[in-house]
Every structure is written in structure tokens, then in C-alpha cells.
Amino acid sequence: MILTPELSIGDRSAHIRGYPEVMTARQFASLEDLESAVGTHLGYSSWMLIDQTRVDTFAEATDDPQWIHVDPERAAAGPFGTTIAHGYLTLSLAVPLVAEVVDVAGVAMGVNYGTNKVRFPAPVPVGSMLRAGVTLMAVDRFDGGAQVTLDVAFEIEGGTKPVCVAQVLYRFYT
């Protein structure tokens, strides 16, 4: 994102207009530095608008056009009063949102390795602002890198409980 005079760091109204908030990821100089932060809440991502276009695109990409996701008229009379994001759409947003929170130098690449546990305790209504809180749970070294375990709690602005809680695994290679 290019900052212009009308966009400042943390300008939420800019984010609502489609620009992400600019967040500074917590910087770690190395995997050893990251290991020293095990058990620490690393912070929160910026807020991301979950709009109908994003939900429709995900529905098309995953062949999941259930009406609670893609039919605003029918969903208005449904159990949530509006369309909602797919649970797996929310989970997939761990990739960009976690990247806003943590950055490890000296790593050649990182890959998603999987999840240990995922739950979707509450829906994400279309139009919601979503963010992720990230806690570093473990750094397990292996030859050539480390497996990193993160607890990620997704929440919507004004929500009373998380919309997704997941323990996600990444592998960083040096």
C-alpha cells in the first residue's frame, strides 16, 4: 500500500474504503529471537472489512454457494439476519493477518503446515470488521528450520466472543 497525504497509519476509515491499515509487525531478528517469545501474546492485526464480494468470491472458488453466504435477500430472513462469511474463509485469513503481526528475519521461506484445532464459535456477518490476535505457543526446531505453533483468535468489532479460534502451524526454513 502506498501512503498518500489522506491516508495515515491506523486510519480506520481508509481501511473501510478498501485500504488496509498499516500495521508494524513484531520483528524478530532470528528463530532464536522468536523462541524467546514463547508464551507471549504478539499483538493484533489491523481490522479487515468482510464484504459480500469477498464472500461471493470465496463461495465461487470453493464451490460452496450456500444461501446463508451468497443470497442477501434470503439470508435476511434466515437465522443470522444477513449473509455470513464461510468459517473457512475466516480461517484462511490467518495468512495475511498473522503476517501483519509477526515477522522473522533470516528465514528463507515459511509455509502453512496445518492446524491442531479449529472452532467457529460465532458467525461473521457480512459488513463486519475482523481482526486476529496472535499468541506464540511453541517453536520446535528441526534440521533446517522450525515449526511454529500459534494460537489465533479472530474477533469482529463489537462481538462478544471470538468468531474463530485456531491453533495454526507454520514451518519456517532457514
N, C-alpha and C. Protein backbone atom coordinates (compact mmCIF):
# COMPACT_ATOMS: atom_id res chain seq x y z
N MET A 1 0.84 -1.18 0.00
CA MET A 1 0.00 0.00 0.00
C MET A 1 0.88 1.23 0.00
N ILE A 2 0.52 2.21 -0.76
CA ILE A 2 1.23 3.47 -0.80
C ILE A 2 0.48 4.47 0.06
N LEU A 3 1.19 5.07 1.02
CA LEU A 3 0.56 6.09 1.85
C LEU A 3 0.50 7.39 1.09
N THR A 4 -0.63 8.00 1.10
CA THR A 4 -0.80 9.32 0.49
C THR A 4 -1.14 10.29 1.61
N PRO A 5 -1.15 11.59 1.36
CA PRO A 5 -1.45 12.53 2.43
C PRO A 5 -2.79 12.27 3.12
N GLU A 6 -3.76 11.73 2.40
CA GLU A 6 -5.05 11.49 3.02
C GLU A 6 -5.12 10.16 3.76
N LEU A 7 -4.07 9.34 3.67
CA LEU A 7 -4.02 8.07 4.40
C LEU A 7 -2.89 8.13 5.41
N SER A 8 -3.23 7.90 6.65
CA SER A 8 -2.20 7.85 7.68
C SER A 8 -2.21 6.48 8.32
N ILE A 9 -1.16 6.14 9.00
CA ILE A 9 -1.07 4.86 9.68
C ILE A 9 -2.21 4.77 10.69
N GLY A 10 -2.93 3.65 10.63
CA GLY A 10 -4.02 3.42 11.57
C GLY A 10 -5.31 4.13 11.20
N ASP A 11 -5.41 4.71 10.03
CA ASP A 11 -6.63 5.41 9.60
C ASP A 11 -7.69 4.38 9.24
N ARG A 12 -8.56 4.08 10.21
CA ARG A 12 -9.56 3.02 10.01
C ARG A 12 -10.53 3.36 8.89
N SER A 13 -10.86 4.63 8.73
CA SER A 13 -11.79 4.99 7.66
C SER A 13 -11.18 4.67 6.30
N ALA A 14 -9.87 4.80 6.19
CA ALA A 14 -9.20 4.42 4.94
C ALA A 14 -9.35 2.92 4.72
N HIS A 15 -9.25 2.14 5.80
CA HIS A 15 -9.38 0.70 5.67
C HIS A 15 -10.79 0.34 5.20
N ILE A 16 -11.78 0.99 5.73
CA ILE A 16 -13.15 0.72 5.32
C ILE A 16 -13.33 1.04 3.83
N ARG A 17 -12.61 2.02 3.34
CA ARG A 17 -12.68 2.36 1.92
C ARG A 17 -11.92 1.35 1.06
N GLY A 18 -11.32 0.35 1.69
CA GLY A 18 -10.65 -0.69 0.92
C GLY A 18 -9.15 -0.71 1.09
N TYR A 19 -8.58 0.20 1.84
CA TYR A 19 -7.15 0.21 2.09
C TYR A 19 -6.88 -0.44 3.43
N PRO A 20 -5.90 -1.34 3.50
CA PRO A 20 -5.61 -1.94 4.80
C PRO A 20 -4.95 -0.91 5.72
N GLU A 21 -5.22 -1.05 7.03
CA GLU A 21 -4.48 -0.25 7.98
C GLU A 21 -3.02 -0.67 7.87
N VAL A 22 -2.12 0.22 8.11
CA VAL A 22 -0.71 -0.12 8.10
C VAL A 22 -0.33 -0.52 9.52
N MET A 23 0.08 -1.75 9.68
CA MET A 23 0.49 -2.25 10.98
C MET A 23 1.98 -2.56 10.91
N THR A 24 2.65 -2.43 12.02
CA THR A 24 4.05 -2.80 12.10
C THR A 24 4.12 -4.16 12.77
N ALA A 25 4.57 -5.15 12.04
CA ALA A 25 4.69 -6.49 12.59
C ALA A 25 5.76 -6.49 13.68
N ARG A 26 5.57 -7.36 14.66
CA ARG A 26 6.61 -7.53 15.67
C ARG A 26 7.77 -8.21 14.99
N GLN A 27 8.90 -7.56 15.02
CA GLN A 27 10.09 -8.03 14.31
C GLN A 27 10.93 -8.94 15.20
N PHE A 28 11.31 -10.08 14.67
CA PHE A 28 12.23 -10.98 15.36
C PHE A 28 13.46 -11.11 14.47
N ALA A 29 14.64 -10.98 15.07
CA ALA A 29 15.89 -10.99 14.31
C ALA A 29 16.26 -12.38 13.81
N SER A 30 15.71 -13.42 14.46
CA SER A 30 16.07 -14.79 14.10
C SER A 30 15.07 -15.75 14.74
N LEU A 31 15.21 -17.02 14.41
CA LEU A 31 14.38 -18.03 15.07
C LEU A 31 14.71 -18.10 16.56
N GLU A 32 15.97 -17.89 16.91
CA GLU A 32 16.35 -17.88 18.32
C GLU A 32 15.63 -16.74 19.05
N ASP A 33 15.56 -15.59 18.42
CA ASP A 33 14.84 -14.45 18.99
C ASP A 33 13.36 -14.80 19.16
N LEU A 34 12.79 -15.46 18.16
CA LEU A 34 11.38 -15.87 18.23
C LEU A 34 11.16 -16.83 19.40
N GLU A 35 12.09 -17.77 19.58
CA GLU A 35 11.96 -18.75 20.68
C GLU A 35 11.83 -18.06 22.04
N SER A 36 12.48 -16.93 22.20
CA SER A 36 12.46 -16.23 23.49
C SER A 36 11.07 -15.63 23.79
N ALA A 37 10.19 -15.60 22.79
CA ALA A 37 8.87 -15.01 22.98
C ALA A 37 7.76 -16.05 23.17
N VAL A 38 8.12 -17.33 23.30
CA VAL A 38 7.10 -18.37 23.50
C VAL A 38 6.27 -18.03 24.73
N GLY A 39 4.95 -18.17 24.59
CA GLY A 39 4.02 -17.86 25.66
C GLY A 39 3.55 -16.41 25.66
N THR A 40 4.01 -15.63 24.69
CA THR A 40 3.70 -14.21 24.62
C THR A 40 2.59 -13.92 23.61
N HIS A 41 1.68 -13.03 24.01
CA HIS A 41 0.71 -12.51 23.04
C HIS A 41 1.47 -11.51 22.17
N LEU A 42 1.50 -11.75 20.87
CA LEU A 42 2.32 -10.94 19.97
C LEU A 42 1.61 -9.70 19.47
N GLY A 43 0.30 -9.67 19.59
CA GLY A 43 -0.44 -8.49 19.17
C GLY A 43 -1.63 -8.83 18.30
N TYR A 44 -2.18 -7.78 17.71
CA TYR A 44 -3.38 -7.88 16.87
C TYR A 44 -3.07 -7.38 15.47
N SER A 45 -3.74 -7.96 14.51
CA SER A 45 -3.69 -7.46 13.14
C SER A 45 -4.53 -6.20 13.04
N SER A 46 -4.50 -5.60 11.88
CA SER A 46 -5.43 -4.50 11.61
C SER A 46 -6.83 -5.08 11.39
N TRP A 47 -7.80 -4.22 11.37
CA TRP A 47 -9.18 -4.63 11.09
C TRP A 47 -9.35 -4.80 9.59
N MET A 48 -10.05 -5.83 9.19
CA MET A 48 -10.31 -6.12 7.77
C MET A 48 -11.82 -6.16 7.55
N LEU A 49 -12.29 -5.44 6.56
CA LEU A 49 -13.71 -5.46 6.21
C LEU A 49 -14.04 -6.76 5.48
N ILE A 50 -15.04 -7.46 5.97
CA ILE A 50 -15.53 -8.68 5.31
C ILE A 50 -16.78 -8.28 4.53
N ASP A 51 -16.60 -8.08 3.23
CA ASP A 51 -17.72 -7.62 2.40
C ASP A 51 -18.29 -8.76 1.57
N GLN A 52 -19.43 -8.49 0.95
CA GLN A 52 -20.13 -9.52 0.18
C GLN A 52 -19.30 -10.00 -1.00
N THR A 53 -18.55 -9.12 -1.62
CA THR A 53 -17.72 -9.52 -2.76
C THR A 53 -16.69 -10.57 -2.34
N ARG A 54 -16.05 -10.37 -1.19
CA ARG A 54 -15.07 -11.35 -0.70
C ARG A 54 -15.75 -12.69 -0.45
N VAL A 55 -16.92 -12.67 0.18
CA VAL A 55 -17.65 -13.90 0.49
C VAL A 55 -18.08 -14.59 -0.80
N ASP A 56 -18.61 -13.84 -1.76
CA ASP A 56 -19.03 -14.42 -3.05
C ASP A 56 -17.86 -15.04 -3.79
N THR A 57 -16.72 -14.37 -3.78
CA THR A 57 -15.52 -14.89 -4.45
C THR A 57 -15.07 -16.20 -3.81
N PHE A 58 -15.09 -16.23 -2.47
CA PHE A 58 -14.72 -17.46 -1.76
C PHE A 58 -15.71 -18.59 -2.08
N ALA A 59 -16.99 -18.26 -2.11
CA ALA A 59 -18.01 -19.26 -2.43
C ALA A 59 -17.77 -19.86 -3.81
N GLU A 60 -17.45 -19.00 -4.76
CA GLU A 60 -17.20 -19.49 -6.12
C GLU A 60 -15.93 -20.34 -6.17
N ALA A 61 -14.89 -19.91 -5.50
CA ALA A 61 -13.62 -20.64 -5.53
C ALA A 61 -13.71 -22.00 -4.86
N THR A 62 -14.60 -22.14 -3.88
CA THR A 62 -14.69 -23.38 -3.11
C THR A 62 -15.94 -24.21 -3.42
N ASP A 63 -16.71 -23.77 -4.42
CA ASP A 63 -17.95 -24.47 -4.77
C ASP A 63 -18.88 -24.63 -3.56
N ASP A 64 -19.00 -23.55 -2.78
CA ASP A 64 -19.87 -23.55 -1.61
C ASP A 64 -20.80 -22.35 -1.66
N PRO A 65 -21.81 -22.41 -2.57
CA PRO A 65 -22.71 -21.26 -2.72
C PRO A 65 -23.95 -21.32 -1.83
N GLN A 66 -23.81 -21.84 -0.61
CA GLN A 66 -24.96 -21.94 0.27
C GLN A 66 -25.58 -20.56 0.48
N TRP A 67 -26.89 -20.50 0.52
CA TRP A 67 -27.62 -19.23 0.55
C TRP A 67 -27.27 -18.37 1.76
N ILE A 68 -26.90 -18.95 2.88
CA ILE A 68 -26.54 -18.13 4.04
C ILE A 68 -25.29 -17.28 3.78
N HIS A 69 -24.56 -17.64 2.72
CA HIS A 69 -23.36 -16.89 2.35
C HIS A 69 -23.58 -15.94 1.18
N VAL A 70 -24.38 -16.35 0.20
CA VAL A 70 -24.40 -15.61 -1.07
C VAL A 70 -25.74 -14.99 -1.47
N ASP A 71 -26.78 -15.20 -0.69
CA ASP A 71 -28.10 -14.68 -1.06
C ASP A 71 -28.59 -13.71 0.03
N PRO A 72 -28.23 -12.42 -0.07
CA PRO A 72 -28.59 -11.46 0.96
C PRO A 72 -30.09 -11.37 1.23
N GLU A 73 -30.89 -11.49 0.20
CA GLU A 73 -32.34 -11.39 0.37
C GLU A 73 -32.87 -12.55 1.21
N ARG A 74 -32.50 -13.75 0.84
CA ARG A 74 -32.96 -14.93 1.58
C ARG A 74 -32.33 -14.96 2.98
N ALA A 75 -31.06 -14.60 3.07
CA ALA A 75 -30.36 -14.63 4.36
C ALA A 75 -30.95 -13.63 5.35
N ALA A 76 -31.53 -12.54 4.86
CA ALA A 76 -32.14 -11.55 5.75
C ALA A 76 -33.25 -12.17 6.59
N ALA A 77 -33.91 -13.19 6.04
CA ALA A 77 -34.98 -13.88 6.77
C ALA A 77 -34.47 -15.15 7.46
N GLY A 78 -33.17 -15.40 7.35
CA GLY A 78 -32.59 -16.62 7.92
C GLY A 78 -32.16 -16.44 9.37
N PRO A 79 -31.45 -17.41 9.88
CA PRO A 79 -31.11 -17.43 11.31
C PRO A 79 -30.15 -16.33 11.76
N PHE A 80 -29.39 -15.73 10.83
CA PHE A 80 -28.41 -14.72 11.21
C PHE A 80 -28.84 -13.31 10.81
N GLY A 81 -29.93 -13.20 10.07
CA GLY A 81 -30.44 -11.88 9.68
C GLY A 81 -29.69 -11.22 8.55
N THR A 82 -28.66 -11.86 8.05
CA THR A 82 -27.84 -11.34 6.96
C THR A 82 -26.97 -12.47 6.44
N THR A 83 -26.27 -12.23 5.36
CA THR A 83 -25.30 -13.22 4.90
C THR A 83 -24.12 -13.24 5.86
N ILE A 84 -23.47 -14.40 5.93
CA ILE A 84 -22.31 -14.57 6.80
C ILE A 84 -21.15 -15.14 6.00
N ALA A 85 -19.95 -14.87 6.48
CA ALA A 85 -18.75 -15.43 5.85
C ALA A 85 -18.65 -16.92 6.16
N HIS A 86 -18.06 -17.65 5.26
CA HIS A 86 -17.76 -19.06 5.48
C HIS A 86 -16.74 -19.15 6.63
N GLY A 87 -16.86 -20.17 7.45
CA GLY A 87 -15.87 -20.38 8.51
C GLY A 87 -14.47 -20.53 7.93
N TYR A 88 -14.37 -21.28 6.83
CA TYR A 88 -13.05 -21.50 6.24
C TYR A 88 -12.50 -20.24 5.56
N LEU A 89 -13.36 -19.33 5.17
CA LEU A 89 -12.87 -18.03 4.70
C LEU A 89 -12.20 -17.31 5.86
N THR A 90 -12.87 -17.28 7.00
CA THR A 90 -12.27 -16.64 8.18
C THR A 90 -10.93 -17.28 8.50
N LEU A 91 -10.88 -18.60 8.56
CA LEU A 91 -9.64 -19.29 8.87
C LEU A 91 -8.54 -18.97 7.86
N SER A 92 -8.91 -18.91 6.58
CA SER A 92 -7.90 -18.65 5.54
C SER A 92 -7.26 -17.27 5.70
N LEU A 93 -7.95 -16.37 6.37
CA LEU A 93 -7.41 -15.03 6.57
C LEU A 93 -6.31 -15.00 7.62
N ALA A 94 -6.02 -16.15 8.25
CA ALA A 94 -4.87 -16.23 9.14
C ALA A 94 -3.60 -15.86 8.38
N VAL A 95 -3.52 -16.24 7.13
CA VAL A 95 -2.30 -15.99 6.35
C VAL A 95 -1.96 -14.50 6.31
N PRO A 96 -2.83 -13.64 5.79
CA PRO A 96 -2.43 -12.22 5.75
C PRO A 96 -2.46 -11.55 7.12
N LEU A 97 -3.37 -11.96 8.00
CA LEU A 97 -3.49 -11.27 9.28
C LEU A 97 -2.33 -11.62 10.22
N VAL A 98 -1.92 -12.87 10.26
CA VAL A 98 -0.76 -13.25 11.07
C VAL A 98 0.50 -12.56 10.54
N ALA A 99 0.62 -12.44 9.23
CA ALA A 99 1.79 -11.77 8.64
C ALA A 99 1.89 -10.31 9.08
N GLU A 100 0.76 -9.71 9.44
CA GLU A 100 0.79 -8.34 9.95
C GLU A 100 1.32 -8.27 11.37
N VAL A 101 1.29 -9.40 12.08
CA VAL A 101 1.63 -9.41 13.50
C VAL A 101 3.07 -9.85 13.76
N VAL A 102 3.57 -10.79 12.99
CA VAL A 102 4.89 -11.35 13.27
C VAL A 102 5.73 -11.42 12.00
N ASP A 103 7.01 -11.06 12.14
CA ASP A 103 7.95 -11.12 11.03
C ASP A 103 9.28 -11.64 11.57
N VAL A 104 9.79 -12.71 10.96
CA VAL A 104 11.04 -13.31 11.42
C VAL A 104 12.09 -13.13 10.33
N ALA A 105 13.18 -12.45 10.68
CA ALA A 105 14.29 -12.26 9.74
C ALA A 105 15.13 -13.53 9.68
N GLY A 106 15.87 -13.68 8.62
CA GLY A 106 16.77 -14.81 8.47
C GLY A 106 16.08 -16.10 8.08
N VAL A 107 14.85 -16.00 7.65
CA VAL A 107 14.09 -17.16 7.22
C VAL A 107 13.96 -17.11 5.71
N ALA A 108 14.32 -18.20 5.04
CA ALA A 108 14.25 -18.22 3.58
C ALA A 108 12.81 -18.29 3.09
N MET A 109 11.98 -19.04 3.81
CA MET A 109 10.57 -19.13 3.45
C MET A 109 9.79 -19.72 4.61
N GLY A 110 8.49 -19.50 4.55
CA GLY A 110 7.58 -20.09 5.52
C GLY A 110 6.41 -20.71 4.78
N VAL A 111 5.90 -21.80 5.33
CA VAL A 111 4.74 -22.46 4.73
C VAL A 111 3.71 -22.77 5.81
N ASN A 112 2.46 -22.79 5.40
CA ASN A 112 1.40 -23.25 6.29
C ASN A 112 1.59 -24.75 6.44
N TYR A 113 1.58 -25.22 7.68
CA TYR A 113 1.80 -26.64 7.91
C TYR A 113 0.52 -27.35 8.36
N GLY A 114 -0.45 -26.57 8.83
CA GLY A 114 -1.71 -27.18 9.22
C GLY A 114 -2.30 -26.52 10.45
N THR A 115 -3.26 -27.22 11.03
CA THR A 115 -3.90 -26.76 12.26
C THR A 115 -4.02 -27.94 13.21
N ASN A 116 -3.98 -27.64 14.50
CA ASN A 116 -4.22 -28.66 15.51
C ASN A 116 -5.68 -28.68 15.93
N LYS A 117 -6.28 -27.50 15.99
CA LYS A 117 -7.66 -27.40 16.44
C LYS A 117 -8.26 -26.11 15.88
N VAL A 118 -9.50 -26.21 15.41
CA VAL A 118 -10.21 -25.04 14.88
C VAL A 118 -11.66 -25.11 15.35
N ARG A 119 -12.18 -23.97 15.78
CA ARG A 119 -13.59 -23.87 16.13
C ARG A 119 -14.12 -22.54 15.62
N PHE A 120 -15.41 -22.51 15.32
CA PHE A 120 -16.08 -21.29 14.85
C PHE A 120 -17.23 -20.97 15.81
N PRO A 121 -16.95 -20.36 16.96
CA PRO A 121 -17.97 -20.14 17.98
C PRO A 121 -19.06 -19.14 17.63
N ALA A 122 -18.82 -18.27 16.66
CA ALA A 122 -19.82 -17.26 16.31
C ALA A 122 -19.69 -16.93 14.82
N PRO A 123 -20.79 -16.48 14.20
CA PRO A 123 -20.74 -16.13 12.77
C PRO A 123 -20.05 -14.79 12.54
N VAL A 124 -19.64 -14.59 11.28
CA VAL A 124 -19.07 -13.32 10.83
C VAL A 124 -20.06 -12.72 9.83
N PRO A 125 -20.94 -11.83 10.29
CA PRO A 125 -21.89 -11.20 9.36
C PRO A 125 -21.16 -10.37 8.31
N VAL A 126 -21.65 -10.43 7.08
CA VAL A 126 -21.08 -9.58 6.04
C VAL A 126 -21.20 -8.13 6.48
N GLY A 127 -20.14 -7.38 6.26
CA GLY A 127 -20.07 -5.99 6.71
C GLY A 127 -19.29 -5.83 8.00
N SER A 128 -18.91 -6.95 8.61
CA SER A 128 -18.15 -6.90 9.86
C SER A 128 -16.70 -6.51 9.61
N MET A 129 -16.11 -5.94 10.66
CA MET A 129 -14.67 -5.70 10.69
C MET A 129 -14.06 -6.84 11.50
N LEU A 130 -13.07 -7.51 10.93
CA LEU A 130 -12.45 -8.70 11.51
C LEU A 130 -10.99 -8.42 11.79
N ARG A 131 -10.47 -8.95 12.91
CA ARG A 131 -9.03 -8.91 13.16
C ARG A 131 -8.63 -10.19 13.86
N ALA A 132 -7.32 -10.40 13.95
CA ALA A 132 -6.79 -11.60 14.60
C ALA A 132 -5.81 -11.20 15.69
N GLY A 133 -5.94 -11.85 16.84
CA GLY A 133 -4.96 -11.76 17.92
C GLY A 133 -4.10 -13.01 17.87
N VAL A 134 -2.79 -12.84 18.08
CA VAL A 134 -1.86 -13.95 17.89
C VAL A 134 -1.01 -14.15 19.15
N THR A 135 -0.96 -15.41 19.62
CA THR A 135 -0.11 -15.79 20.74
C THR A 135 0.84 -16.88 20.28
N LEU A 136 2.12 -16.71 20.57
CA LEU A 136 3.13 -17.70 20.22
C LEU A 136 3.15 -18.80 21.27
N MET A 137 2.83 -20.02 20.87
CA MET A 137 2.73 -21.14 21.80
C MET A 137 3.97 -22.03 21.83
N ALA A 138 4.63 -22.20 20.67
CA ALA A 138 5.80 -23.09 20.64
C ALA A 138 6.65 -22.79 19.42
N VAL A 139 7.93 -23.03 19.57
CA VAL A 139 8.88 -23.02 18.47
C VAL A 139 9.68 -24.31 18.61
N ASP A 140 9.45 -25.24 17.71
CA ASP A 140 10.12 -26.54 17.75
C ASP A 140 11.10 -26.62 16.60
N ARG A 141 12.37 -26.66 16.95
CA ARG A 141 13.42 -26.67 15.94
C ARG A 141 13.53 -28.03 15.26
N PHE A 142 13.87 -28.01 13.99
CA PHE A 142 14.22 -29.21 13.24
C PHE A 142 15.38 -28.82 12.33
N ASP A 143 16.03 -29.79 11.76
CA ASP A 143 17.19 -29.51 10.92
C ASP A 143 16.76 -28.64 9.74
N GLY A 144 17.23 -27.41 9.70
CA GLY A 144 16.91 -26.51 8.60
C GLY A 144 15.79 -25.54 8.88
N GLY A 145 15.29 -25.53 10.13
CA GLY A 145 14.22 -24.58 10.40
C GLY A 145 13.52 -24.82 11.72
N ALA A 146 12.25 -24.41 11.76
CA ALA A 146 11.46 -24.56 12.98
C ALA A 146 9.98 -24.63 12.64
N GLN A 147 9.27 -25.41 13.44
CA GLN A 147 7.81 -25.43 13.37
C GLN A 147 7.30 -24.49 14.45
N VAL A 148 6.45 -23.57 14.05
CA VAL A 148 5.93 -22.55 14.95
C VAL A 148 4.44 -22.79 15.17
N THR A 149 4.03 -22.84 16.43
CA THR A 149 2.64 -23.04 16.79
C THR A 149 2.08 -21.73 17.34
N LEU A 150 1.01 -21.26 16.73
CA LEU A 150 0.37 -20.01 17.12
C LEU A 150 -1.08 -20.26 17.48
N ASP A 151 -1.53 -19.64 18.56
CA ASP A 151 -2.96 -19.59 18.85
C ASP A 151 -3.47 -18.30 18.24
N VAL A 152 -4.45 -18.42 17.36
CA VAL A 152 -5.02 -17.26 16.67
C VAL A 152 -6.49 -17.17 17.04
N ALA A 153 -6.88 -16.01 17.56
CA ALA A 153 -8.27 -15.76 17.92
C ALA A 153 -8.79 -14.63 17.03
N PHE A 154 -9.75 -14.95 16.18
CA PHE A 154 -10.37 -13.97 15.30
C PHE A 154 -11.57 -13.36 16.02
N GLU A 155 -11.73 -12.07 15.89
CA GLU A 155 -12.87 -11.40 16.51
C GLU A 155 -13.42 -10.37 15.56
N ILE A 156 -14.70 -10.07 15.74
CA ILE A 156 -15.31 -8.98 14.97
C ILE A 156 -15.53 -7.80 15.90
N GLU A 157 -15.46 -6.64 15.32
CA GLU A 157 -15.66 -5.43 16.08
C GLU A 157 -17.05 -5.45 16.71
N GLY A 158 -17.11 -5.23 18.01
CA GLY A 158 -18.38 -5.23 18.73
C GLY A 158 -18.87 -6.61 19.12
N GLY A 159 -18.14 -7.66 18.77
CA GLY A 159 -18.54 -9.02 19.10
C GLY A 159 -18.33 -9.33 20.57
N THR A 160 -19.05 -10.33 21.06
CA THR A 160 -18.94 -10.70 22.46
C THR A 160 -18.10 -11.94 22.68
N LYS A 161 -17.79 -12.66 21.60
CA LYS A 161 -16.92 -13.84 21.71
C LYS A 161 -16.19 -14.01 20.38
N PRO A 162 -15.12 -14.81 20.38
CA PRO A 162 -14.38 -15.00 19.13
C PRO A 162 -15.25 -15.64 18.05
N VAL A 163 -14.94 -15.33 16.81
CA VAL A 163 -15.65 -15.94 15.69
C VAL A 163 -14.92 -17.16 15.16
N CYS A 164 -13.64 -17.25 15.48
CA CYS A 164 -12.83 -18.41 15.12
C CYS A 164 -11.65 -18.46 16.08
N VAL A 165 -11.40 -19.64 16.62
CA VAL A 165 -10.19 -19.87 17.40
C VAL A 165 -9.47 -21.04 16.76
N ALA A 166 -8.19 -20.86 16.53
CA ALA A 166 -7.43 -21.88 15.81
C ALA A 166 -6.01 -21.95 16.33
N GLN A 167 -5.51 -23.15 16.42
CA GLN A 167 -4.08 -23.33 16.67
C GLN A 167 -3.48 -23.70 15.32
N VAL A 168 -2.69 -22.78 14.79
CA VAL A 168 -2.14 -22.95 13.45
C VAL A 168 -0.65 -23.23 13.52
N LEU A 169 -0.19 -23.97 12.53
CA LEU A 169 1.21 -24.38 12.47
C LEU A 169 1.85 -23.82 11.20
N TYR A 170 3.01 -23.25 11.37
CA TYR A 170 3.81 -22.78 10.24
C TYR A 170 5.17 -23.46 10.34
N ARG A 171 5.78 -23.67 9.21
CA ARG A 171 7.16 -24.14 9.17
C ARG A 171 7.99 -23.06 8.51
N PHE A 172 9.02 -22.64 9.23
CA PHE A 172 9.97 -21.66 8.71
C PHE A 172 11.26 -22.38 8.38
N TYR A 173 11.77 -22.12 7.18
CA TYR A 173 13.02 -22.75 6.72
C TYR A 173 14.09 -21.70 6.59
N THR A 174 15.29 -22.06 7.07
CA THR A 174 16.41 -21.11 7.03
C THR A 174 17.28 -21.32 5.81
